[in-house]
Every structure is written in C-alpha cells, then in structure tokens.
Amino acid sequence: MKELISYQWKTVCRLSDQGMRQYQIAKVLELSESRVSQILKNYHLSGEIPVYDGGNRGATPRLSKENKLDLGEKLKKGAEYYGFKGDIWTLIRVQAVIEKEFGVKYGTSQISNILKEIGWSWQKPKKRLPSGFRKSREVA
C-alpha cells in the first residue's frame, strides 16, 4: 500500500511537471481532484516530491504498554483489594482502578479494548433464578 501511494505521488508530480492539468491527472490516475491538488500543493511548497509518512496513526495512547501490563498485575490482586464488594471485575470497576492508579479516564468501550490487549477476557454470567424460586423448583 505504501509503495502504491508513493508511486501515485511521484506520478502526479511528474505529470504536472510535464504540463498536464490537475483535472486531467485526476482522471488518468482515478484520484479525486482535491487529492491531486493536495499532493501538488505539498510538492510546490517543499520543492520535493512528497514522501509517504504512513498516514495518521491516531491519537497517542494515554496508557503506555508498561502501564497496561501493570494494570494486568493490579487486576490480579482482585476487586476486593480495591474495596469492591465481591471479587468480580466489571468494566466500571476496571475504569475506576485505571482512573485511581494512573489518573486517566476512559469510557467503558475503550476499557474493553484495553482488557483484550492485556489478555483478559470477559465471561457471560450464568443466569440464576433467585434463591426462593430455586427452592420451590427443588420441592416440586
């Protein structure tokens, strides 16, 4: 993919240098006219053919890899260690631990992704009848 983009950029610049108009370049290379315009703008400002830099890599993570590994160790201590009733981790509880330990606030959907990254999985709780219903079923 990187090679294809670099080739397109070089071709756009070469065709422009040969006198071809932007709309013609866009049609020949099957690119949008605005994309051709962006490439040529960078080319004319720098005087060099633009080099593909890998594109947007997204936002910088708020928790480093080391922090995420450390989170896994902290979670192994159990939910009760952090003052929760019952030793079951929920996304809300993990969210609270991350905020307390690392000073970073994430939404629960991102917490789920972080847990996957560090090798934690979730289990669907078994559906249980309330104890009164269980006793009545055992008698019948």
Protein backbone atom coordinates (compact mmCIF):
# COMPACT_ATOMS: atom_id res chain seq x y z
CA MET A 1 0.00 0.00 0.00
CA LYS A 2 2.81 2.39 0.94
CA GLU A 3 4.53 1.74 -2.39
CA LEU A 4 1.31 2.37 -4.32
CA ILE A 5 0.79 5.74 -2.65
CA SER A 6 4.42 6.79 -3.21
CA TYR A 7 4.09 5.77 -6.87
CA GLN A 8 0.89 7.82 -7.21
CA TRP A 9 2.52 10.86 -5.63
CA LYS A 10 5.56 10.63 -7.89
CA THR A 11 3.33 10.16 -10.94
CA VAL A 12 1.14 13.15 -10.03
CA CYS A 13 4.23 15.37 -9.68
CA ARG A 14 5.81 14.07 -12.88
CA LEU A 15 2.62 14.59 -14.91
CA SER A 16 2.24 18.10 -13.50
CA ASP A 17 5.83 18.92 -14.44
CA GLN A 18 5.05 17.74 -17.98
CA GLY A 19 2.26 20.34 -18.15
CA MET A 20 -0.80 18.18 -17.51
CA ARG A 21 -3.65 19.91 -15.67
CA GLN A 22 -4.93 18.76 -12.28
CA TYR A 23 -8.30 17.54 -13.54
CA GLN A 24 -6.54 15.53 -16.28
CA ILE A 25 -4.16 13.95 -13.76
CA ALA A 26 -7.09 13.09 -11.50
CA LYS A 27 -8.92 11.43 -14.38
CA VAL A 28 -5.90 9.45 -15.61
CA LEU A 29 -4.90 8.21 -12.13
CA GLU A 30 -8.50 7.82 -10.92
CA LEU A 31 -7.94 10.15 -7.98
CA SER A 32 -10.14 12.96 -6.77
CA GLU A 33 -9.19 16.43 -7.97
CA SER A 34 -8.85 17.55 -4.36
CA ARG A 35 -6.32 14.76 -3.66
CA VAL A 36 -4.25 15.76 -6.69
CA SER A 37 -4.43 19.37 -5.50
CA GLN A 38 -3.16 18.38 -2.02
CA ILE A 39 -0.23 16.43 -3.45
CA LEU A 40 0.76 19.26 -5.78
CA LYS A 41 0.40 21.87 -3.05
CA ASN A 42 2.89 19.94 -0.89
CA TYR A 43 5.14 19.46 -3.89
CA HIS A 44 5.19 23.15 -4.81
CA LEU A 45 5.71 24.31 -1.20
CA SER A 46 8.60 21.97 -0.49
CA GLY A 47 10.07 21.67 -3.97
CA GLU A 48 10.38 17.93 -3.40
CA ILE A 49 8.17 15.00 -4.21
CA PRO A 50 6.20 14.24 -1.04
CA VAL A 51 7.25 11.10 0.80
CA TYR A 52 4.62 8.82 2.25
CA ASP A 53 4.89 9.02 6.03
CA GLY A 54 2.50 6.22 6.95
CA GLY A 55 -0.53 8.44 7.36
CA ASN A 56 -2.43 9.24 10.51
CA ARG A 57 -1.61 6.85 13.31
CA GLY A 58 -4.41 8.02 15.60
CA ALA A 59 -4.21 9.61 19.00
CA THR A 60 -1.32 8.93 21.34
CA PRO A 61 -2.41 6.31 23.88
CA ARG A 62 -2.99 7.68 27.36
CA LEU A 63 -1.77 4.42 28.92
CA SER A 64 1.64 3.18 27.84
CA LYS A 65 2.31 -0.51 27.17
CA GLU A 66 4.04 -0.70 30.53
CA ASN A 67 1.01 0.84 32.25
CA LYS A 68 -1.27 -1.69 30.57
CA LEU A 69 0.90 -4.58 31.74
CA ASP A 70 0.98 -3.05 35.22
CA LEU A 71 -2.82 -2.84 35.08
CA GLY A 72 -2.98 -6.59 34.49
CA GLU A 73 -0.88 -7.17 37.62
CA LYS A 74 -3.06 -4.83 39.64
CA LEU A 75 -6.24 -6.57 38.49
CA LYS A 76 -4.81 -9.93 39.56
CA LYS A 77 -4.96 -8.66 43.15
CA GLY A 78 -8.73 -8.88 42.89
CA ALA A 79 -11.61 -6.46 43.06
CA GLU A 80 -11.91 -6.74 46.84
CA TYR A 81 -8.33 -5.44 47.19
CA TYR A 82 -9.64 -2.16 45.72
CA GLY A 83 -12.62 -2.06 48.09
CA PHE A 84 -15.30 -3.54 45.85
CA LYS A 85 -17.82 -5.96 47.26
CA GLY A 86 -17.33 -9.36 45.64
CA ASP A 87 -14.29 -10.39 43.67
CA ILE A 88 -15.74 -9.83 40.20
CA TRP A 89 -14.32 -7.28 37.78
CA THR A 90 -16.76 -5.19 35.75
CA LEU A 91 -15.88 -2.57 33.18
CA ILE A 92 -17.00 0.16 35.60
CA ARG A 93 -14.73 -1.23 38.32
CA VAL A 94 -11.74 -1.51 35.98
CA GLN A 95 -12.45 2.03 34.83
CA ALA A 96 -12.32 3.22 38.46
CA VAL A 97 -9.00 1.42 39.08
CA ILE A 98 -7.42 2.92 35.95
CA GLU A 99 -8.52 6.38 36.99
CA LYS A 100 -7.27 5.90 40.57
CA GLU A 101 -3.94 4.25 39.71
CA PHE A 102 -3.00 6.08 36.52
CA GLY A 103 -5.07 9.28 36.59
CA VAL A 104 -6.56 8.50 33.18
CA LYS A 105 -10.25 8.34 32.36
CA TYR A 106 -11.54 6.02 29.64
CA GLY A 107 -15.04 5.09 28.50
CA THR A 108 -16.18 1.53 29.11
CA SER A 109 -15.88 0.57 25.42
CA GLN A 110 -12.20 1.52 25.50
CA ILE A 111 -11.73 -0.37 28.78
CA SER A 112 -12.96 -3.48 26.98
CA ASN A 113 -10.32 -2.97 24.25
CA ILE A 114 -7.57 -2.46 26.84
CA LEU A 115 -8.56 -5.67 28.63
CA LYS A 116 -8.36 -7.58 25.34
CA GLU A 117 -4.89 -6.11 24.70
CA ILE A 118 -3.58 -7.42 28.02
CA GLY A 119 -5.14 -10.85 27.53
CA TRP A 120 -8.16 -10.54 29.80
CA SER A 121 -11.48 -11.83 28.56
CA TRP A 122 -14.98 -11.47 29.88
CA GLN A 123 -17.30 -14.26 30.82
CA LYS A 124 -21.03 -14.04 30.47
CA PRO A 125 -22.59 -14.56 33.89
CA LYS A 126 -24.78 -17.63 34.30
CA LYS A 127 -28.45 -16.81 34.58
CA ARG A 128 -29.66 -17.85 38.00
CA LEU A 129 -33.08 -17.86 39.50
CA PRO A 130 -33.49 -16.06 42.81
CA SER A 131 -33.00 -18.44 45.77
CA GLY A 132 -36.73 -18.53 46.57
CA PHE A 133 -37.52 -19.80 43.08
CA ARG A 134 -34.75 -22.42 43.25
CA LYS A 135 -36.14 -23.88 46.48
CA SER A 136 -39.67 -24.06 45.07
CA ARG A 137 -38.41 -25.88 41.95
CA GLU A 138 -36.47 -28.40 44.06
CA VAL A 139 -39.63 -29.25 46.08
CA ALA A 140 -41.82 -29.78 43.01
